[in-house]
């Protein structure tokens, strides 16, 4: 049975101000950084796809 989801904490004071400031001042990623992330994503997808082809022995064999 699943555990209940905890209530999200509320931020106060300096934490709330810092959080709101970060939300309002998001820095866009450079094209190079986006390309680096995409390359890594595609590599992970290839690794996952190759893993589907592996056949592992059963424990009691």
PDB file of N, CA and C in Angstrom:
ATOM      1  N   UNK A   1       0.840  -1.174   0.000  1.00  0.00           N
ATOM      2  CA  UNK A   1       0.000   0.000   0.000  1.00  0.00           C
ATOM      3  C   UNK A   1       0.891   1.246   0.000  1.00  0.00           C
ATOM      4  N   UNK A   2       0.488   2.232  -0.747  1.00  0.00           N
ATOM      5  CA  UNK A   2       1.286   3.454  -0.871  1.00  0.00           C
ATOM      6  C   UNK A   2       1.180   4.307   0.385  1.00  0.00           C
ATOM      7  N   UNK A   3       2.270   4.984   0.672  1.00  0.00           N
ATOM      8  CA  UNK A   3       2.267   5.920   1.798  1.00  0.00           C
ATOM      9  C   UNK A   3       1.629   7.225   1.349  1.00  0.00           C
ATOM     10  N   UNK A   4       0.998   7.951   2.246  1.00  0.00           N
ATOM     11  CA  UNK A   4       0.400   9.230   1.859  1.00  0.00           C
ATOM     12  C   UNK A   4       1.487  10.243   1.472  1.00  0.00           C
ATOM     13  N   UNK A   5       1.148  11.122   0.555  1.00  0.00           N
ATOM     14  CA  UNK A   5       2.067  12.166   0.113  1.00  0.00           C
ATOM     15  C   UNK A   5       2.111  13.251   1.176  1.00  0.00           C
ATOM     16  N   UNK A   6       3.323  13.626   1.558  1.00  0.00           N
ATOM     17  CA  UNK A   6       3.483  14.660   2.575  1.00  0.00           C
ATOM     18  C   UNK A   6       3.120  16.024   1.990  1.00  0.00           C
ATOM     19  N   UNK A   7       2.654  16.895   2.859  1.00  0.00           N
ATOM     20  CA  UNK A   7       2.306  18.236   2.443  1.00  0.00           C
ATOM     21  C   UNK A   7       3.571  18.995   2.042  1.00  0.00           C
ATOM     22  N   UNK A   8       3.463  19.811   1.002  1.00  0.00           N
ATOM     23  CA  UNK A   8       4.600  20.607   0.550  1.00  0.00           C
ATOM     24  C   UNK A   8       4.888  21.711   1.563  1.00  0.00           C
ATOM     25  N   UNK A   9       6.137  21.848   1.998  1.00  0.00           N
ATOM     26  CA  UNK A   9       6.450  22.893   2.981  1.00  0.00           C
ATOM     27  C   UNK A   9       6.296  24.288   2.381  1.00  0.00           C
ATOM     28  N   UNK A  10       5.955  25.230   3.203  1.00  0.00           N
ATOM     29  CA  UNK A  10       5.807  26.629   2.791  1.00  0.00           C
ATOM     30  C   UNK A  10       7.096  27.361   3.144  1.00  0.00           C
ATOM     31  N   UNK A  11       7.584  28.166   2.211  1.00  0.00           N
ATOM     32  CA  UNK A  11       8.804  28.937   2.442  1.00  0.00           C
ATOM     33  C   UNK A  11       8.463  30.294   3.046  1.00  0.00           C
ATOM     34  N   UNK A  12       9.301  30.726   3.980  1.00  0.00           N
ATOM     35  CA  UNK A  12       9.119  32.017   4.643  1.00  0.00           C
ATOM     36  C   UNK A  12      10.419  32.802   4.607  1.00  0.00           C
ATOM     37  N   UNK A  13      10.311  34.105   4.780  1.00  0.00           N
ATOM     38  CA  UNK A  13      11.474  34.951   4.960  1.00  0.00           C
ATOM     39  C   UNK A  13      12.437  34.933   3.794  1.00  0.00           C
ATOM     40  N   UNK A  14      13.743  34.835   4.120  1.00  0.00           N
ATOM     41  CA  UNK A  14      14.801  34.897   3.115  1.00  0.00           C
ATOM     42  C   UNK A  14      14.702  33.740   2.129  1.00  0.00           C
ATOM     43  N   UNK A  15      14.305  32.553   2.592  1.00  0.00           N
ATOM     44  CA  UNK A  15      14.144  31.409   1.690  1.00  0.00           C
ATOM     45  C   UNK A  15      13.103  31.707   0.617  1.00  0.00           C
ATOM     46  N   UNK A  16      11.976  32.303   1.018  1.00  0.00           N
ATOM     47  CA  UNK A  16      10.902  32.633   0.077  1.00  0.00           C
ATOM     48  C   UNK A  16      11.378  33.698  -0.916  1.00  0.00           C
ATOM     49  N   UNK A  17      12.080  34.709  -0.432  1.00  0.00           N
ATOM     50  CA  UNK A  17      12.583  35.773  -1.315  1.00  0.00           C
ATOM     51  C   UNK A  17      13.596  35.207  -2.325  1.00  0.00           C
ATOM     52  N   UNK A  18      14.501  34.356  -1.860  1.00  0.00           N
ATOM     53  CA  UNK A  18      15.501  33.759  -2.752  1.00  0.00           C
ATOM     54  C   UNK A  18      14.824  32.871  -3.804  1.00  0.00           C
ATOM     55  N   UNK A  19      13.840  32.081  -3.383  1.00  0.00           N
ATOM     56  CA  UNK A  19      13.125  31.205  -4.313  1.00  0.00           C
ATOM     57  C   UNK A  19      12.406  32.033  -5.382  1.00  0.00           C
ATOM     58  N   UNK A  20      11.690  33.072  -4.974  1.00  0.00           N
ATOM     59  CA  UNK A  20      10.965  33.909  -5.924  1.00  0.00           C
ATOM     60  C   UNK A  20      11.935  34.622  -6.867  1.00  0.00           C
ATOM     61  N   UNK A  21      13.065  35.082  -6.345  1.00  0.00           N
ATOM     62  CA  UNK A  21      14.060  35.749  -7.178  1.00  0.00           C
ATOM     63  C   UNK A  21      14.610  34.790  -8.233  1.00  0.00           C
ATOM     64  N   UNK A  22      14.877  33.557  -7.853  1.00  0.00           N
ATOM     65  CA  UNK A  22      15.384  32.572  -8.810  1.00  0.00           C
ATOM     66  C   UNK A  22      14.343  32.241  -9.865  1.00  0.00           C
ATOM     67  N   UNK A  23      13.066  32.195  -9.478  1.00  0.00           N
ATOM     68  CA  UNK A  23      12.003  31.942 -10.449  1.00  0.00           C
ATOM     69  C   UNK A  23      11.893  33.070 -11.466  1.00  0.00           C
ATOM     70  N   UNK A  24      12.084  34.289 -11.023  1.00  0.00           N
ATOM     71  CA  UNK A  24      11.934  35.450 -11.897  1.00  0.00           C
ATOM     72  C   UNK A  24      13.173  35.740 -12.723  1.00  0.00           C
ATOM     73  N   UNK A  25      14.298  35.102 -12.423  1.00  0.00           N
ATOM     74  CA  UNK A  25      15.553  35.379 -13.129  1.00  0.00           C
ATOM     75  C   UNK A  25      16.187  34.105 -13.675  1.00  0.00           C
ATOM     76  N   UNK A  26      15.420  33.338 -14.409  1.00  0.00           N
ATOM     77  CA  UNK A  26      15.925  32.097 -14.993  1.00  0.00           C
ATOM     78  C   UNK A  26      16.843  32.441 -16.158  1.00  0.00           C
ATOM     79  N   UNK A  27      18.037  31.875 -16.152  1.00  0.00           N
ATOM     80  CA  UNK A  27      19.009  32.106 -17.213  1.00  0.00           C
ATOM     81  C   UNK A  27      18.847  31.027 -18.285  1.00  0.00           C
ATOM     82  N   UNK A  28      18.635  31.409 -19.537  1.00  0.00           N
ATOM     83  CA  UNK A  28      18.506  30.407 -20.599  1.00  0.00           C
ATOM     84  C   UNK A  28      19.840  29.683 -20.817  1.00  0.00           C
ATOM     85  N   UNK A  29      19.754  28.439 -21.231  1.00  0.00           N
ATOM     86  CA  UNK A  29      20.959  27.670 -21.520  1.00  0.00           C
ATOM     87  C   UNK A  29      21.541  28.087 -22.864  1.00  0.00           C
ATOM     88  N   UNK A  30      22.855  27.996 -22.960  1.00  0.00           N
ATOM     89  CA  UNK A  30      23.512  28.292 -24.234  1.00  0.00           C
ATOM     90  C   UNK A  30      23.240  27.143 -25.209  1.00  0.00           C
ATOM     91  N   UNK A  31      23.445  27.411 -26.491  1.00  0.00           N
ATOM     92  CA  UNK A  31      23.245  26.365 -27.503  1.00  0.00           C
ATOM     93  C   UNK A  31      24.192  25.196 -27.267  1.00  0.00           C
ATOM     94  N   UNK A  32      25.419  25.511 -26.818  1.00  0.00           N
ATOM     95  CA  UNK A  32      26.402  24.453 -26.559  1.00  0.00           C
ATOM     96  C   UNK A  32      25.933  23.556 -25.405  1.00  0.00           C
ATOM     97  N   UNK A  33      25.392  24.167 -24.362  1.00  0.00           N
ATOM     98  CA  UNK A  33      24.928  23.389 -23.211  1.00  0.00           C
ATOM     99  C   UNK A  33      23.718  22.528 -23.595  1.00  0.00           C
ATOM    100  N   UNK A  34      22.819  23.082 -24.386  1.00  0.00           N
ATOM    101  CA  UNK A  34      21.665  22.304 -24.853  1.00  0.00           C
ATOM    102  C   UNK A  34      22.127  21.108 -25.691  1.00  0.00           C
ATOM    103  N   UNK A  35      23.115  21.334 -26.548  1.00  0.00           N
ATOM    104  CA  UNK A  35      23.623  20.248 -27.392  1.00  0.00           C
ATOM    105  C   UNK A  35      24.307  19.175 -26.550  1.00  0.00           C
ATOM    106  N   UNK A  36      25.059  19.590 -25.524  1.00  0.00           N
ATOM    107  CA  UNK A  36      25.713  18.628 -24.623  1.00  0.00           C
ATOM    108  C   UNK A  36      24.667  17.763 -23.913  1.00  0.00           C
ATOM    109  N   UNK A  37      23.606  18.381 -23.435  1.00  0.00           N
ATOM    110  CA  UNK A  37      22.545  17.651 -22.744  1.00  0.00           C
ATOM    111  C   UNK A  37      21.858  16.685 -23.707  1.00  0.00           C
ATOM    112  N   UNK A  38      21.563  17.150 -24.924  1.00  0.00           N
ATOM    113  CA  UNK A  38      20.906  16.289 -25.913  1.00  0.00           C
ATOM    114  C   UNK A  38      21.781  15.088 -26.268  1.00  0.00           C
ATOM    115  N   UNK A  39      23.081  15.323 -26.430  1.00  0.00           N
ATOM    116  CA  UNK A  39      24.002  14.228 -26.753  1.00  0.00           C
ATOM    117  C   UNK A  39      24.001  13.175 -25.646  1.00  0.00           C
ATOM    118  N   UNK A  40      24.069  13.614 -24.395  1.00  0.00           N
ATOM    119  CA  UNK A  40      24.051  12.666 -23.281  1.00  0.00           C
ATOM    120  C   UNK A  40      22.716  11.918 -23.218  1.00  0.00           C
ATOM    121  N   UNK A  41      21.625  12.618 -23.471  1.00  0.00           N
ATOM    122  CA  UNK A  41      20.302  11.991 -23.480  1.00  0.00           C
ATOM    123  C   UNK A  41      20.243  10.886 -24.537  1.00  0.00           C
ATOM    124  N   UNK A  42      20.728  11.184 -25.725  1.00  0.00           N
ATOM    125  CA  UNK A  42      20.711  10.190 -26.801  1.00  0.00           C
ATOM    126  C   UNK A  42      21.603   9.003 -26.470  1.00  0.00           C
ATOM    127  N   UNK A  43      22.730   9.230 -25.808  1.00  0.00           N
ATOM    128  CA  UNK A  43      23.608   8.129 -25.397  1.00  0.00           C
ATOM    129  C   UNK A  43      22.904   7.218 -24.394  1.00  0.00           C
ATOM    130  N   UNK A  44      22.186   7.807 -23.454  1.00  0.00           N
ATOM    131  CA  UNK A  44      21.450   7.014 -22.462  1.00  0.00           C
ATOM    132  C   UNK A  44      20.362   6.194 -23.152  1.00  0.00           C
ATOM    133  N   UNK A  45      19.653   6.784 -24.103  1.00  0.00           N
ATOM    134  CA  UNK A  45      18.625   6.044 -24.835  1.00  0.00           C
ATOM    135  C   UNK A  45      19.231   4.845 -25.567  1.00  0.00           C
ATOM    136  N   UNK A  46      20.404   5.042 -26.166  1.00  0.00           N
ATOM    137  CA  UNK A  46      21.069   3.928 -26.848  1.00  0.00           C
ATOM    138  C   UNK A  46      21.460   2.832 -25.867  1.00  0.00           C
ATOM    139  N   UNK A  47      21.961   3.215 -24.695  1.00  0.00           N
ATOM    140  CA  UNK A  47      22.332   2.221 -23.683  1.00  0.00           C
ATOM    141  C   UNK A  47      21.104   1.428 -23.236  1.00  0.00           C
ATOM    142  N   UNK A  48      19.993   2.120 -23.061  1.00  0.00           N
ATOM    143  CA  UNK A  48      18.771   1.441 -22.629  1.00  0.00           C
ATOM    144  C   UNK A  48      18.281   0.496 -23.717  1.00  0.00           C
ATOM    145  N   UNK A  49      18.373   0.922 -24.965  1.00  0.00           N
ATOM    146  CA  UNK A  49      17.917   0.089 -26.069  1.00  0.00           C
ATOM    147  C   UNK A  49      18.783  -1.162 -26.197  1.00  0.00           C
ATOM    148  N   UNK A  50      20.111  -1.004 -26.015  1.00  0.00           N
ATOM    149  CA  UNK A  50      21.011  -2.164 -26.066  1.00  0.00           C
ATOM    150  C   UNK A  50      20.724  -3.129 -24.924  1.00  0.00           C
ATOM    151  N   UNK A  51      20.321  -2.618 -23.784  1.00  0.00           N
ATOM    152  CA  UNK A  51      20.033  -3.457 -22.631  1.00  0.00           C
ATOM    153  C   UNK A  51      18.847  -4.369 -22.849  1.00  0.00           C
ATOM    154  N   UNK A  52      17.935  -3.986 -23.727  1.00  0.00           N
ATOM    155  CA  UNK A  52      16.766  -4.820 -24.013  1.00  0.00           C
ATOM    156  C   UNK A  52      17.178  -6.124 -24.688  1.00  0.00           C
ATOM    157  N   UNK A  53      18.281  -6.094 -25.425  1.00  0.00           N
ATOM    158  CA  UNK A  53      18.720  -7.263 -26.172  1.00  0.00           C
ATOM    159  C   UNK A  53      19.499  -8.263 -25.318  1.00  0.00           C
ATOM    160  N   UNK A  54      19.900  -7.875 -24.111  1.00  0.00           N
ATOM    161  CA  UNK A  54      20.677  -8.777 -23.266  1.00  0.00           C
ATOM    162  C   UNK A  54      19.770  -9.835 -22.655  1.00  0.00           C
ATOM    163  N   UNK A  55      20.286 -11.033 -22.578  1.00  0.00           N
ATOM    164  CA  UNK A  55      19.515 -12.093 -21.945  1.00  0.00           C
ATOM    165  C   UNK A  55      20.311 -12.550 -20.722  1.00  0.00           C
ATOM    166  N   UNK A  56      19.687 -12.425 -19.563  1.00  0.00           N
ATOM    167  CA  UNK A  56      20.334 -12.776 -18.320  1.00  0.00           C
ATOM    168  C   UNK A  56      19.859 -14.153 -17.849  1.00  0.00           C
ATOM    169  N   UNK A  57      20.766 -14.976 -17.300  1.00  0.00           N
ATOM    170  CA  UNK A  57      20.337 -16.287 -16.801  1.00  0.00           C
ATOM    171  C   UNK A  57      19.413 -16.127 -15.595  1.00  0.00           C
ATOM    172  N   UNK A  58      18.510 -17.067 -15.470  1.00  0.00           N
ATOM    173  CA  UNK A  58      17.609 -17.045 -14.309  1.00  0.00           C
ATOM    174  C   UNK A  58      18.394 -17.461 -13.078  1.00  0.00           C
ATOM    175  N   UNK A  59      17.944 -17.015 -11.901  1.00  0.00           N
ATOM    176  CA  UNK A  59      18.670 -17.265 -10.661  1.00  0.00           C
ATOM    177  C   UNK A  59      18.832 -18.749 -10.348  1.00  0.00           C
ATOM    178  N   UNK A  60      17.841 -19.571 -10.604  1.00  0.00           N
ATOM    179  CA  UNK A  60      17.882 -20.981 -10.194  1.00  0.00           C
ATOM    180  C   UNK A  60      18.385 -21.900 -11.278  1.00  0.00           C
ATOM    181  N   UNK A  61      19.039 -21.387 -12.299  1.00  0.00           N
ATOM    182  CA  UNK A  61      19.557 -22.253 -13.371  1.00  0.00           C
ATOM    183  C   UNK A  61      20.948 -22.709 -13.070  1.00  0.00           C
TER     184      UNK A  61
END
